[in-house]
Amino acid sequence: MRRFITTAVAAVAALALAVPAANAAKPSWAEAATPGDHNLVELAAGAGLSSLIDAVLLSDDVCDTSFAATLSGKKGQFTVFAPTNAAFEPIFQLLGTLDEEALCEVLPSTLAYHVTTGRHHSMDVVTSDGFTMLNGDFAAVEGATIAGANIVAVDFSASNGIAHVIDAVILPPSTFG
């Protein structure tokens, strides 16, 4: 199983290096305020955030989570702080060193720390103190940063939420203390 995880992580890392980071134009505030035609998973894939999608699929496959179903479903609205592909490079290197048990302790919590309930457009984000994320940890917002990561693109509207692109993978305090 460790060989499978190492191979899967290496393949995901190779994909991350092959696909450029999201360079989509910022939508207008009015566009961000209304749901888009695509769900959050489709939106991330279309925005070139393939490493996030790969991490979600790895977690679902190896750790038996349901991130892909949740973020592509019709139940509820979510705000995703989506790391760029470049931000995932060091994380995939770390994940490749973990056995399945350790991977499943780290990856799901880390992914859940990038998602909060509700639809929070950029004005909500920058005027907030922070958000309680799906893993239960609080992610502080200071200006245009969340949990220390810079928010580099905002207000990508999906049918089931909104996404903002960040320049780092944020690590949950409950997992990484």
Protein backbone atom coordinates (compact mmCIF):
# COMPACT_ATOMS: atom_id res chain seq x y z
CA MET A 1 0.00 0.00 0.00
CA ARG A 2 2.88 2.39 0.78
CA ARG A 3 4.17 1.89 -2.77
CA PHE A 4 0.72 2.77 -4.15
CA ILE A 5 0.57 5.97 -2.08
CA THR A 6 4.10 6.97 -3.10
CA THR A 7 3.32 6.31 -6.76
CA ALA A 8 0.01 8.17 -6.56
CA VAL A 9 1.59 11.16 -4.84
CA ALA A 10 4.44 11.24 -7.40
CA ALA A 11 1.91 11.18 -10.25
CA VAL A 12 -0.12 13.94 -8.66
CA ALA A 13 3.03 16.03 -8.12
CA ALA A 14 4.02 15.54 -11.75
CA LEU A 15 0.60 16.77 -12.83
CA ALA A 16 0.93 19.79 -10.55
CA LEU A 17 4.18 20.77 -12.23
CA ALA A 18 2.72 20.33 -15.69
CA VAL A 19 -0.32 22.58 -15.24
CA PRO A 20 0.10 26.34 -14.72
CA ALA A 21 -1.44 28.09 -11.72
CA ALA A 22 -4.80 29.76 -12.06
CA ASN A 23 -4.60 32.87 -14.20
CA ALA A 24 -8.30 33.46 -14.77
CA ALA A 25 -9.54 37.03 -14.82
CA LYS A 26 -11.30 38.24 -11.69
CA PRO A 27 -15.08 38.24 -12.12
CA SER A 28 -17.08 41.30 -11.16
CA TRP A 29 -18.66 41.53 -7.73
CA ALA A 30 -22.11 41.06 -9.29
CA GLU A 31 -20.95 37.81 -10.89
CA ALA A 32 -19.57 36.64 -7.54
CA ALA A 33 -22.84 37.40 -5.77
CA THR A 34 -24.85 35.00 -7.94
CA PRO A 35 -24.24 31.28 -8.28
CA GLY A 36 -22.36 30.15 -11.38
CA ASP A 37 -23.24 27.32 -13.72
CA HIS A 38 -20.53 24.94 -12.43
CA ASN A 39 -19.97 23.41 -9.01
CA LEU A 40 -16.82 24.07 -6.97
CA VAL A 41 -14.97 20.99 -8.26
CA GLU A 42 -15.69 21.89 -11.89
CA LEU A 43 -14.74 25.50 -11.17
CA ALA A 44 -11.38 24.47 -9.66
CA ALA A 45 -10.66 22.18 -12.60
CA GLY A 46 -11.52 24.92 -15.08
CA ALA A 47 -9.36 27.45 -13.22
CA GLY A 48 -6.27 25.24 -13.55
CA LEU A 49 -6.19 24.22 -9.88
CA SER A 50 -5.48 20.60 -10.73
CA SER A 51 -3.36 19.96 -7.63
CA LEU A 52 -6.29 20.76 -5.37
CA ILE A 53 -8.48 18.38 -7.35
CA ASP A 54 -5.77 15.70 -7.20
CA ALA A 55 -5.43 16.11 -3.42
CA VAL A 56 -9.21 15.85 -2.99
CA LEU A 57 -9.33 12.68 -5.11
CA LEU A 58 -6.35 11.18 -3.27
CA SER A 59 -8.05 11.83 0.08
CA ASP A 60 -11.32 10.37 -1.15
CA ASP A 61 -9.62 7.29 -2.62
CA VAL A 62 -7.09 6.45 0.09
CA CYS A 63 -8.72 7.93 3.21
CA ASP A 64 -12.36 7.21 2.32
CA THR A 65 -13.43 10.85 2.57
CA SER A 66 -16.12 12.49 0.47
CA PHE A 67 -14.68 15.91 -0.39
CA ALA A 68 -15.37 15.57 -4.13
CA ALA A 69 -19.00 14.65 -3.53
CA THR A 70 -19.46 17.44 -0.97
CA LEU A 71 -17.86 20.12 -3.13
CA SER A 72 -19.71 19.05 -6.26
CA GLY A 73 -23.05 18.46 -4.57
CA LYS A 74 -26.16 20.58 -4.38
CA LYS A 75 -26.51 20.58 -0.59
CA GLY A 76 -25.24 23.76 0.96
CA GLN A 77 -22.96 26.61 0.02
CA PHE A 78 -19.22 26.58 0.70
CA THR A 79 -16.32 28.98 0.43
CA VAL A 80 -13.08 27.36 -0.69
CA PHE A 81 -9.66 28.95 -0.22
CA ALA A 82 -7.95 27.12 -3.08
CA PRO A 83 -4.13 26.89 -3.11
CA THR A 84 -2.31 27.32 -6.40
CA ASN A 85 -0.59 24.32 -7.96
CA ALA A 86 2.80 25.77 -6.96
CA ALA A 87 1.66 25.91 -3.34
CA PHE A 88 1.01 22.16 -3.38
CA GLU A 89 4.51 21.15 -4.55
CA PRO A 90 6.13 20.94 -1.08
CA ILE A 91 2.99 19.34 0.36
CA PHE A 92 3.07 16.53 -2.19
CA GLN A 93 6.72 15.93 -1.31
CA LEU A 94 5.69 15.57 2.36
CA LEU A 95 2.75 13.32 1.54
CA GLY A 96 5.02 11.01 -0.43
CA THR A 97 6.96 10.23 2.77
CA LEU A 98 3.89 9.18 4.77
CA ASP A 99 2.38 5.75 5.19
CA GLU A 100 -1.37 5.40 4.63
CA GLU A 101 -2.29 5.91 8.29
CA ALA A 102 -0.25 9.09 8.61
CA LEU A 103 -1.50 10.34 5.23
CA CYS A 104 -5.09 9.90 6.40
CA GLU A 105 -4.38 11.82 9.61
CA VAL A 106 -2.94 14.79 7.72
CA LEU A 107 -4.58 15.15 4.29
CA PRO A 108 -8.32 15.23 5.14
CA SER A 109 -7.82 17.72 7.97
CA THR A 110 -5.64 19.92 5.77
CA LEU A 111 -8.19 19.92 2.94
CA ALA A 112 -11.05 20.66 5.37
CA TYR A 113 -9.05 23.62 6.69
CA HIS A 114 -9.45 25.25 3.26
CA VAL A 115 -13.27 25.15 3.27
CA THR A 116 -15.91 26.93 5.33
CA THR A 117 -19.66 26.83 5.14
CA GLY A 118 -21.54 29.65 3.48
CA ARG A 119 -20.92 31.83 0.48
CA HIS A 120 -18.37 34.51 1.46
CA HIS A 121 -17.40 36.92 -1.31
CA SER A 122 -14.18 38.92 -1.01
CA MET A 123 -15.74 41.85 0.84
CA ASP A 124 -17.03 39.43 3.50
CA VAL A 125 -13.60 37.86 3.77
CA VAL A 126 -11.47 40.99 4.14
CA THR A 127 -13.84 42.52 6.69
CA SER A 128 -14.01 39.33 8.78
CA ASP A 129 -11.82 38.29 11.70
CA GLY A 130 -11.78 34.80 10.21
CA PHE A 131 -13.80 31.65 9.72
CA THR A 132 -14.36 28.33 11.40
CA MET A 133 -13.31 25.83 8.76
CA LEU A 134 -14.83 22.40 8.09
CA ASN A 135 -12.20 20.70 10.26
CA GLY A 136 -13.34 22.84 13.23
CA ASP A 137 -10.25 25.07 13.40
CA PHE A 138 -10.46 28.85 13.16
CA ALA A 139 -8.58 30.46 10.26
CA ALA A 140 -7.78 34.09 11.04
CA VAL A 141 -8.14 36.75 8.36
CA GLU A 142 -5.87 39.78 8.37
CA GLY A 143 -6.38 42.07 5.40
CA ALA A 144 -5.93 39.99 2.27
CA THR A 145 -4.51 36.94 4.07
CA ILE A 146 -6.09 33.88 5.63
CA ALA A 147 -4.10 31.82 8.12
CA GLY A 148 -0.97 33.50 6.75
CA ALA A 149 -1.62 32.76 3.07
CA ASN A 150 -2.06 35.61 0.61
CA ILE A 151 -5.40 35.74 -1.17
CA VAL A 152 -4.29 36.25 -4.78
CA ALA A 153 -7.56 35.98 -6.76
CA VAL A 154 -11.11 36.30 -5.53
CA ASP A 155 -14.79 35.74 -6.14
CA PHE A 156 -14.92 32.75 -8.47
CA SER A 157 -18.61 31.89 -8.33
CA ALA A 158 -19.95 28.33 -8.45
CA SER A 159 -23.43 26.87 -8.14
CA ASN A 160 -22.64 25.64 -4.64
CA GLY A 161 -20.31 28.32 -3.34
CA ILE A 162 -17.44 30.62 -4.07
CA ALA A 163 -13.68 30.17 -4.34
CA HIS A 164 -10.73 32.42 -3.61
CA VAL A 165 -7.21 31.45 -4.71
CA ILE A 166 -4.41 31.53 -2.12
CA ASP A 167 -0.64 31.24 -2.54
CA ALA A 168 -0.02 28.60 0.14
CA VAL A 169 -1.46 25.43 1.58
CA ILE A 170 -2.63 26.44 5.04
CA LEU A 171 -1.96 23.94 7.80
CA PRO A 172 -4.58 23.31 10.47
CA PRO A 173 -3.41 24.02 14.03
CA SER A 174 -5.26 20.97 15.36
CA THR A 175 -3.19 18.69 13.13
CA PHE A 176 0.15 20.49 13.03
CA GLY A 177 -0.07 22.26 16.42
